[in-house]
PDB file of N, CA and C in Angstrom:
ATOM      1  N   ALA A   1      45.456  55.053  42.600  1.00  0.00           N
ATOM      2  CA  ALA A   1      45.448  53.877  41.744  1.00  0.00           C
ATOM      3  C   ALA A   1      44.002  53.517  41.406  1.00  0.00           C
ATOM      4  N   GLY A   2      43.845  52.692  40.414  1.00  0.00           N
ATOM      5  CA  GLY A   2      42.496  52.282  40.021  1.00  0.00           C
ATOM      6  C   GLY A   2      42.024  53.028  38.792  1.00  0.00           C
ATOM      7  N   ASP A   3      40.881  52.633  38.315  1.00  0.00           N
ATOM      8  CA  ASP A   3      40.295  53.260  37.141  1.00  0.00           C
ATOM      9  C   ASP A   3      39.669  54.593  37.493  1.00  0.00           C
ATOM     10  N   CYS A   4      39.672  55.498  36.523  1.00  0.00           N
ATOM     11  CA  CYS A   4      38.957  56.763  36.660  1.00  0.00           C
ATOM     12  C   CYS A   4      37.868  56.775  35.603  1.00  0.00           C
ATOM     13  N   LEU A   5      36.632  56.844  36.062  1.00  0.00           N
ATOM     14  CA  LEU A   5      35.500  56.830  35.151  1.00  0.00           C
ATOM     15  C   LEU A   5      34.919  58.224  35.016  1.00  0.00           C
ATOM     16  N   GLN A   6      34.784  58.684  33.804  1.00  0.00           N
ATOM     17  CA  GLN A   6      34.224  60.003  33.526  1.00  0.00           C
ATOM     18  C   GLN A   6      32.709  59.894  33.441  1.00  0.00           C
ATOM     19  N   VAL A   7      32.028  60.663  34.264  1.00  0.00           N
ATOM     20  CA  VAL A   7      30.570  60.728  34.212  1.00  0.00           C
ATOM     21  C   VAL A   7      30.227  62.080  33.600  1.00  0.00           C
ATOM     22  N   SER A   8      29.350  62.082  32.599  1.00  0.00           N
ATOM     23  CA  SER A   8      29.025  63.345  31.940  1.00  0.00           C
ATOM     24  C   SER A   8      27.517  63.464  31.743  1.00  0.00           C
ATOM     25  N   GLY A   9      27.097  64.690  31.491  1.00  0.00           N
ATOM     26  CA  GLY A   9      25.678  64.938  31.257  1.00  0.00           C
ATOM     27  C   GLY A   9      24.924  65.087  32.553  1.00  0.00           C
ATOM     28  N   ALA A  10      23.697  64.605  32.549  1.00  0.00           N
ATOM     29  CA  ALA A  10      22.813  64.758  33.706  1.00  0.00           C
ATOM     30  C   ALA A  10      22.908  63.566  34.644  1.00  0.00           C
ATOM     31  N   MET A  11      22.849  63.870  35.938  1.00  0.00           N
ATOM     32  CA  MET A  11      22.675  62.843  36.970  1.00  0.00           C
ATOM     33  C   MET A  11      21.334  63.150  37.626  1.00  0.00           C
ATOM     34  N   THR A  12      20.281  62.797  36.909  1.00  0.00           N
ATOM     35  CA  THR A  12      18.923  63.094  37.361  1.00  0.00           C
ATOM     36  C   THR A  12      18.108  61.800  37.376  1.00  0.00           C
ATOM     37  N   LEU A  13      16.896  61.893  37.854  1.00  0.00           N
ATOM     38  CA  LEU A  13      16.037  60.721  37.992  1.00  0.00           C
ATOM     39  C   LEU A  13      15.927  59.937  36.686  1.00  0.00           C
ATOM     40  N   ARG A  14      15.831  60.632  35.583  1.00  0.00           N
ATOM     41  CA  ARG A  14      15.693  59.971  34.286  1.00  0.00           C
ATOM     42  C   ARG A  14      16.879  59.056  33.968  1.00  0.00           C
ATOM     43  N   ASP A  15      18.058  59.432  34.453  1.00  0.00           N
ATOM     44  CA  ASP A  15      19.282  58.691  34.134  1.00  0.00           C
ATOM     45  C   ASP A  15      19.759  57.796  35.271  1.00  0.00           C
ATOM     46  N   ALA A  16      19.085  57.835  36.416  1.00  0.00           N
ATOM     47  CA  ALA A  16      19.598  57.192  37.624  1.00  0.00           C
ATOM     48  C   ALA A  16      19.821  55.686  37.471  1.00  0.00           C
ATOM     49  N   THR A  17      18.870  54.967  36.933  1.00  0.00           N
ATOM     50  CA  THR A  17      19.010  53.514  36.807  1.00  0.00           C
ATOM     51  C   THR A  17      20.194  53.151  35.921  1.00  0.00           C
ATOM     52  N   ARG A  18      20.300  53.827  34.790  1.00  0.00           N
ATOM     53  CA  ARG A  18      21.414  53.554  33.876  1.00  0.00           C
ATOM     54  C   ARG A  18      22.752  53.872  34.545  1.00  0.00           C
ATOM     55  N   LEU A  19      22.861  55.021  35.201  1.00  0.00           N
ATOM     56  CA  LEU A  19      24.107  55.405  35.857  1.00  0.00           C
ATOM     57  C   LEU A  19      24.482  54.423  36.964  1.00  0.00           C
ATOM     58  N   LEU A  20      23.501  53.993  37.731  1.00  0.00           N
ATOM     59  CA  LEU A  20      23.758  53.041  38.799  1.00  0.00           C
ATOM     60  C   LEU A  20      24.297  51.731  38.232  1.00  0.00           C
ATOM     61  N   GLU A  21      23.632  51.216  37.205  1.00  0.00           N
ATOM     62  CA  GLU A  21      24.054  49.950  36.603  1.00  0.00           C
ATOM     63  C   GLU A  21      25.434  50.055  35.964  1.00  0.00           C
ATOM     64  N   GLU A  22      25.677  51.136  35.222  1.00  0.00           N
ATOM     65  CA  GLU A  22      26.972  51.304  34.567  1.00  0.00           C
ATOM     66  C   GLU A  22      28.091  51.463  35.592  1.00  0.00           C
ATOM     67  N   GLY A  23      27.841  52.240  36.633  1.00  0.00           N
ATOM     68  CA  GLY A  23      28.853  52.423  37.670  1.00  0.00           C
ATOM     69  C   GLY A  23      29.150  51.137  38.411  1.00  0.00           C
ATOM     70  N   ASN A  24      28.103  50.400  38.761  1.00  0.00           N
ATOM     71  CA  ASN A  24      28.302  49.125  39.457  1.00  0.00           C
ATOM     72  C   ASN A  24      29.074  48.137  38.596  1.00  0.00           C
ATOM     73  N   ALA A  25      28.786  48.108  37.305  1.00  0.00           N
ATOM     74  CA  ALA A  25      29.479  47.199  36.399  1.00  0.00           C
ATOM     75  C   ALA A  25      30.956  47.567  36.246  1.00  0.00           C
ATOM     76  N   ALA A  26      31.292  48.822  36.490  1.00  0.00           N
ATOM     77  CA  ALA A  26      32.665  49.298  36.313  1.00  0.00           C
ATOM     78  C   ALA A  26      33.545  49.073  37.536  1.00  0.00           C
ATOM     79  N   LEU A  27      32.999  48.583  38.624  1.00  0.00           N
ATOM     80  CA  LEU A  27      33.764  48.373  39.849  1.00  0.00           C
ATOM     81  C   LEU A  27      34.629  47.132  39.702  1.00  0.00           C
ATOM     82  N   GLN A  28      35.794  47.288  39.068  1.00  0.00           N
ATOM     83  CA  GLN A  28      36.638  46.132  38.811  1.00  0.00           C
ATOM     84  C   GLN A  28      37.910  46.134  39.642  1.00  0.00           C
ATOM     85  N   ASP A  29      38.458  47.285  39.952  1.00  0.00           N
ATOM     86  CA  ASP A  29      39.685  47.368  40.724  1.00  0.00           C
ATOM     87  C   ASP A  29      39.363  47.574  42.199  1.00  0.00           C
ATOM     88  N   ALA A  30      40.393  47.569  43.017  1.00  0.00           N
ATOM     89  CA  ALA A  30      40.211  47.785  44.446  1.00  0.00           C
ATOM     90  C   ALA A  30      39.589  49.148  44.718  1.00  0.00           C
ATOM     91  N   GLU A  31      39.953  50.136  43.906  1.00  0.00           N
ATOM     92  CA  GLU A  31      39.370  51.466  44.039  1.00  0.00           C
ATOM     93  C   GLU A  31      38.971  51.984  42.666  1.00  0.00           C
ATOM     94  N   THR A  32      37.790  52.523  42.582  1.00  0.00           N
ATOM     95  CA  THR A  32      37.312  53.147  41.355  1.00  0.00           C
ATOM     96  C   THR A  32      37.049  54.609  41.651  1.00  0.00           C
ATOM     97  N   VAL A  33      37.557  55.467  40.779  1.00  0.00           N
ATOM     98  CA  VAL A  33      37.374  56.909  40.917  1.00  0.00           C
ATOM     99  C   VAL A  33      36.347  57.360  39.895  1.00  0.00           C
ATOM    100  N   PHE A  34      35.310  58.042  40.368  1.00  0.00           N
ATOM    101  CA  PHE A  34      34.290  58.604  39.495  1.00  0.00           C
ATOM    102  C   PHE A  34      34.563  60.103  39.373  1.00  0.00           C
ATOM    103  N   ASP A  35      34.863  60.563  38.163  1.00  0.00           N
ATOM    104  CA  ASP A  35      35.125  61.980  37.902  1.00  0.00           C
ATOM    105  C   ASP A  35      33.834  62.622  37.401  1.00  0.00           C
ATOM    106  N   LEU A  36      33.296  63.543  38.195  1.00  0.00           N
ATOM    107  CA  LEU A  36      32.029  64.180  37.864  1.00  0.00           C
ATOM    108  C   LEU A  36      32.201  65.568  37.256  1.00  0.00           C
ATOM    109  N   ALA A  37      33.392  65.895  36.782  1.00  0.00           N
ATOM    110  CA  ALA A  37      33.659  67.231  36.241  1.00  0.00           C
ATOM    111  C   ALA A  37      32.733  67.588  35.080  1.00  0.00           C
ATOM    112  N   ALA A  38      32.328  66.620  34.284  1.00  0.00           N
ATOM    113  CA  ALA A  38      31.512  66.900  33.102  1.00  0.00           C
ATOM    114  C   ALA A  38      30.011  66.751  33.364  1.00  0.00           C
ATOM    115  N   VAL A  39      29.616  66.575  34.616  1.00  0.00           N
ATOM    116  CA  VAL A  39      28.191  66.488  34.944  1.00  0.00           C
ATOM    117  C   VAL A  39      27.617  67.895  34.905  1.00  0.00           C
ATOM    118  N   ASP A  40      26.542  68.082  34.138  1.00  0.00           N
ATOM    119  CA  ASP A  40      25.992  69.433  33.980  1.00  0.00           C
ATOM    120  C   ASP A  40      24.700  69.693  34.744  1.00  0.00           C
ATOM    121  N   SER A  41      24.065  68.646  35.280  1.00  0.00           N
ATOM    122  CA  SER A  41      22.879  68.868  36.105  1.00  0.00           C
ATOM    123  C   SER A  41      22.691  67.677  37.042  1.00  0.00           C
ATOM    124  N   VAL A  42      22.193  67.982  38.236  1.00  0.00           N
ATOM    125  CA  VAL A  42      21.946  66.946  39.232  1.00  0.00           C
ATOM    126  C   VAL A  42      20.616  67.203  39.918  1.00  0.00           C
ATOM    127  N   ASP A  43      20.059  66.150  40.476  1.00  0.00           N
ATOM    128  CA  ASP A  43      18.948  66.282  41.415  1.00  0.00           C
ATOM    129  C   ASP A  43      19.233  65.294  42.537  1.00  0.00           C
ATOM    130  N   SER A  44      18.307  65.104  43.435  1.00  0.00           N
ATOM    131  CA  SER A  44      18.564  64.258  44.600  1.00  0.00           C
ATOM    132  C   SER A  44      18.862  62.807  44.227  1.00  0.00           C
ATOM    133  N   SER A  45      18.449  62.374  43.061  1.00  0.00           N
ATOM    134  CA  SER A  45      18.749  61.002  42.661  1.00  0.00           C
ATOM    135  C   SER A  45      20.248  60.803  42.430  1.00  0.00           C
ATOM    136  N   ALA A  46      20.994  61.868  42.167  1.00  0.00           N
ATOM    137  CA  ALA A  46      22.452  61.748  42.021  1.00  0.00           C
ATOM    138  C   ALA A  46      23.071  61.236  43.312  1.00  0.00           C
ATOM    139  N   ILE A  47      22.570  61.711  44.440  1.00  0.00           N
ATOM    140  CA  ILE A  47      23.064  61.235  45.729  1.00  0.00           C
ATOM    141  C   ILE A  47      22.736  59.755  45.892  1.00  0.00           C
ATOM    142  N   ALA A  48      21.538  59.362  45.508  1.00  0.00           N
ATOM    143  CA  ALA A  48      21.148  57.953  45.597  1.00  0.00           C
ATOM    144  C   ALA A  48      22.040  57.081  44.723  1.00  0.00           C
ATOM    145  N   VAL A  49      22.387  57.559  43.539  1.00  0.00           N
ATOM    146  CA  VAL A  49      23.266  56.802  42.646  1.00  0.00           C
ATOM    147  C   VAL A  49      24.639  56.619  43.291  1.00  0.00           C
ATOM    148  N   ILE A  50      25.190  57.691  43.828  1.00  0.00           N
ATOM    149  CA  ILE A  50      26.503  57.611  44.476  1.00  0.00           C
ATOM    150  C   ILE A  50      26.459  56.641  45.650  1.00  0.00           C
ATOM    151  N   PHE A  51      25.402  56.711  46.463  1.00  0.00           N
ATOM    152  CA  PHE A  51      25.283  55.782  47.583  1.00  0.00           C
ATOM    153  C   PHE A  51      25.110  54.349  47.084  1.00  0.00           C
ATOM    154  N   GLY A  52      24.460  54.165  45.949  1.00  0.00           N
ATOM    155  CA  GLY A  52      24.346  52.836  45.352  1.00  0.00           C
ATOM    156  C   GLY A  52      25.704  52.302  44.924  1.00  0.00           C
ATOM    157  N   TRP A  53      26.512  53.156  44.297  1.00  0.00           N
ATOM    158  CA  TRP A  53      27.875  52.748  43.917  1.00  0.00           C
ATOM    159  C   TRP A  53      28.673  52.388  45.160  1.00  0.00           C
ATOM    160  N   LEU A  54      28.549  53.217  46.173  1.00  0.00           N
ATOM    161  CA  LEU A  54      29.278  53.001  47.425  1.00  0.00           C
ATOM    162  C   LEU A  54      28.867  51.676  48.074  1.00  0.00           C
ATOM    163  N   ARG A  55      27.584  51.408  48.130  1.00  0.00           N
ATOM    164  CA  ARG A  55      27.074  50.166  48.718  1.00  0.00           C
ATOM    165  C   ARG A  55      27.592  48.946  47.944  1.00  0.00           C
ATOM    166  N   GLN A  56      27.517  49.005  46.622  1.00  0.00           N
ATOM    167  CA  GLN A  56      27.986  47.882  45.800  1.00  0.00           C
ATOM    168  C   GLN A  56      29.484  47.666  45.986  1.00  0.00           C
ATOM    169  N   ALA A  57      30.246  48.747  46.026  1.00  0.00           N
ATOM    170  CA  ALA A  57      31.689  48.625  46.222  1.00  0.00           C
ATOM    171  C   ALA A  57      31.999  47.973  47.562  1.00  0.00           C
ATOM    172  N   ARG A  58      31.326  48.413  48.607  1.00  0.00           N
ATOM    173  CA  ARG A  58      31.553  47.831  49.941  1.00  0.00           C
ATOM    174  C   ARG A  58      31.204  46.349  49.959  1.00  0.00           C
ATOM    175  N   GLU A  59      30.132  45.967  49.293  1.00  0.00           N
ATOM    176  CA  GLU A  59      29.749  44.554  49.237  1.00  0.00           C
ATOM    177  C   GLU A  59      30.810  43.708  48.544  1.00  0.00           C
ATOM    178  N   GLN A  60      31.565  44.336  47.639  1.00  0.00           N
ATOM    179  CA  GLN A  60      32.612  43.625  46.906  1.00  0.00           C
ATOM    180  C   GLN A  60      33.983  43.809  47.548  1.00  0.00           C
ATOM    181  N   GLY A  61      34.040  44.486  48.701  1.00  0.00           N
ATOM    182  CA  GLY A  61      35.315  44.722  49.375  1.00  0.00           C
ATOM    183  C   GLY A  61      36.176  45.750  48.665  1.00  0.00           C
ATOM    184  N   LYS A  62      35.528  46.670  47.947  1.00  0.00           N
ATOM    185  CA  LYS A  62      36.234  47.696  47.179  1.00  0.00           C
ATOM    186  C   LYS A  62      35.876  49.075  47.711  1.00  0.00           C
ATOM    187  N   THR A  63      36.524  50.087  47.170  1.00  0.00           N
ATOM    188  CA  THR A  63      36.219  51.462  47.555  1.00  0.00           C
ATOM    189  C   THR A  63      35.989  52.299  46.298  1.00  0.00           C
ATOM    190  N   ILE A  64      35.297  53.418  46.503  1.00  0.00           N
ATOM    191  CA  ILE A  64      35.150  54.392  45.420  1.00  0.00           C
ATOM    192  C   ILE A  64      35.565  55.750  45.949  1.00  0.00           C
ATOM    193  N   ARG A  65      35.895  56.600  45.024  1.00  0.00           N
ATOM    194  CA  ARG A  65      36.196  57.986  45.320  1.00  0.00           C
ATOM    195  C   ARG A  65      35.485  58.837  44.288  1.00  0.00           C
ATOM    196  N   ILE A  66      34.995  59.992  44.705  1.00  0.00           N
ATOM    197  CA  ILE A  66      34.346  60.936  43.800  1.00  0.00           C
ATOM    198  C   ILE A  66      35.251  62.160  43.696  1.00  0.00           C
ATOM    199  N   ILE A  67      35.588  62.545  42.468  1.00  0.00           N
ATOM    200  CA  ILE A  67      36.362  63.771  42.293  1.00  0.00           C
ATOM    201  C   ILE A  67      35.566  64.755  41.443  1.00  0.00           C
ATOM    202  N   HIS A  68      35.826  66.017  41.635  1.00  0.00           N
ATOM    203  CA  HIS A  68      35.171  67.109  40.916  1.00  0.00           C
ATOM    204  C   HIS A  68      33.649  67.070  41.009  1.00  0.00           C
ATOM    205  N   PRO A  69      33.112  66.893  42.211  1.00  0.00           N
ATOM    206  CA  PRO A  69      31.648  66.883  42.321  1.00  0.00           C
ATOM    207  C   PRO A  69      31.077  68.263  42.024  1.00  0.00           C
ATOM    208  N   PRO A  70      29.958  68.347  41.333  1.00  0.00           N
ATOM    209  CA  PRO A  70      29.326  69.648  41.076  1.00  0.00           C
ATOM    210  C   PRO A  70      28.904  70.302  42.397  1.00  0.00           C
ATOM    211  N   ALA A  71      28.966  71.622  42.427  1.00  0.00           N
ATOM    212  CA  ALA A  71      28.560  72.360  43.628  1.00  0.00           C
ATOM    213  C   ALA A  71      27.122  72.046  44.008  1.00  0.00           C
ATOM    214  N   GLU A  72      26.266  71.841  43.013  1.00  0.00           N
ATOM    215  CA  GLU A  72      24.858  71.529  43.288  1.00  0.00           C
ATOM    216  C   GLU A  72      24.712  70.209  44.042  1.00  0.00           C
ATOM    217  N   LEU A  73      25.548  69.247  43.708  1.00  0.00           N
ATOM    218  CA  LEU A  73      25.520  67.957  44.388  1.00  0.00           C
ATOM    219  C   LEU A  73      25.909  68.128  45.857  1.00  0.00           C
ATOM    220  N   LEU A  74      26.967  68.884  46.092  1.00  0.00           N
ATOM    221  CA  LEU A  74      27.408  69.111  47.466  1.00  0.00           C
ATOM    222  C   LEU A  74      26.365  69.880  48.260  1.00  0.00           C
ATOM    223  N   SER A  75      25.702  70.830  47.611  1.00  0.00           N
ATOM    224  CA  SER A  75      24.634  71.586  48.283  1.00  0.00           C
ATOM    225  C   SER A  75      23.473  70.678  48.660  1.00  0.00           C
ATOM    226  N   LEU A  76      23.081  69.796  47.745  1.00  0.00           N
ATOM    227  CA  LEU A  76      22.001  68.850  48.054  1.00  0.00           C
ATOM    228  C   LEU A  76      22.388  67.935  49.216  1.00  0.00           C
ATOM    229  N   ALA A  77      23.629  67.460  49.210  1.00  0.00           N
ATOM    230  CA  ALA A  77      24.082  66.599  50.301  1.00  0.00           C
ATOM    231  C   ALA A  77      24.032  67.342  51.630  1.00  0.00           C
ATOM    232  N   ASP A  78      24.378  68.632  51.622  1.00  0.00           N
ATOM    233  CA  ASP A  78      24.281  69.443  52.843  1.00  0.00           C
ATOM    234  C   ASP A  78      22.833  69.578  53.296  1.00  0.00           C
ATOM    235  N   VAL A  79      21.952  69.875  52.358  1.00  0.00           N
ATOM    236  CA  VAL A  79      20.536  70.052  52.686  1.00  0.00           C
ATOM    237  C   VAL A  79      19.959  68.781  53.309  1.00  0.00           C
ATOM    238  N   TYR A  80      20.331  67.630  52.758  1.00  0.00           N
ATOM    239  CA  TYR A  80      19.812  66.360  53.261  1.00  0.00           C
ATOM    240  C   TYR A  80      20.598  65.827  54.458  1.00  0.00           C
ATOM    241  N   GLY A  81      21.676  66.515  54.837  1.00  0.00           N
ATOM    242  CA  GLY A  81      22.454  66.106  55.998  1.00  0.00           C
ATOM    243  C   GLY A  81      23.261  64.841  55.791  1.00  0.00           C
ATOM    244  N   VAL A  82      23.697  64.597  54.547  1.00  0.00           N
ATOM    245  CA  VAL A  82      24.438  63.363  54.257  1.00  0.00           C
ATOM    246  C   VAL A  82      25.851  63.628  53.726  1.00  0.00           C
ATOM    247  N   SER A  83      26.328  64.845  53.863  1.00  0.00           N
ATOM    248  CA  SER A  83      27.658  65.187  53.338  1.00  0.00           C
ATOM    249  C   SER A  83      28.750  64.265  53.875  1.00  0.00           C
ATOM    250  N   GLU A  84      28.657  63.934  55.171  1.00  0.00           N
ATOM    251  CA  GLU A  84      29.675  63.105  55.797  1.00  0.00           C
ATOM    252  C   GLU A  84      29.650  61.668  55.288  1.00  0.00           C
ATOM    253  N   LEU A  85      28.560  61.274  54.654  1.00  0.00           N
ATOM    254  CA  LEU A  85      28.421  59.913  54.151  1.00  0.00           C
ATOM    255  C   LEU A  85      28.952  59.741  52.733  1.00  0.00           C
ATOM    256  N   LEU A  86      29.252  60.851  52.064  1.00  0.00           N
ATOM    257  CA  LEU A  86      29.775  60.766  50.703  1.00  0.00           C
ATOM    258  C   LEU A  86      31.163  60.128  50.719  1.00  0.00           C
ATOM    259  N   PRO A  87      31.548  59.452  49.636  1.00  0.00           N
ATOM    260  CA  PRO A  87      32.858  58.807  49.572  1.00  0.00           C
ATOM    261  C   PRO A  87      33.993  59.823  49.715  1.00  0.00           C
ATOM    262  N   PRO A  88      35.166  59.367  50.110  1.00  0.00           N
ATOM    263  CA  PRO A  88      36.336  60.255  50.223  1.00  0.00           C
ATOM    264  C   PRO A  88      36.588  61.025  48.926  1.00  0.00           C
ATOM    265  N   GLY A  89      37.053  62.236  49.072  1.00  0.00           N
ATOM    266  CA  GLY A  89      37.359  63.076  47.927  1.00  0.00           C
ATOM    267  C   GLY A  89      36.178  63.881  47.412  1.00  0.00           C
ATOM    268  N   SER A  90      35.000  63.660  47.969  1.00  0.00           N
ATOM    269  CA  SER A  90      33.790  64.294  47.454  1.00  0.00           C
ATOM    270  C   SER A  90      33.624  65.727  47.907  1.00  0.00           C
ATOM    271  N   LYS A  91      34.306  66.111  48.942  1.00  0.00           N
ATOM    272  CA  LYS A  91      34.046  67.418  49.526  1.00  0.00           C
ATOM    273  C   LYS A  91      34.919  68.499  48.959  1.00  0.00           C
TER     274      LYS A  91
END
């Protein structure tokens, strides 16, 4: 249940502030699903954006889920040792 938000293009440092703000503004239901299937490039700031969404959702008593995460995102999370901290559905 909840909204499914399509994220597309780059999740890189250049786009991080905009993505964080847009994602936080979209947290309206009890659960928000972020679909990353159309994301074509990531860097470590993508993890920071996801953690920002997660933090904002928790502050509002809501949850998020990430579906179709790019393999590069999962690899970065492994390298940084934060895979277990990603929202449900991210793995």
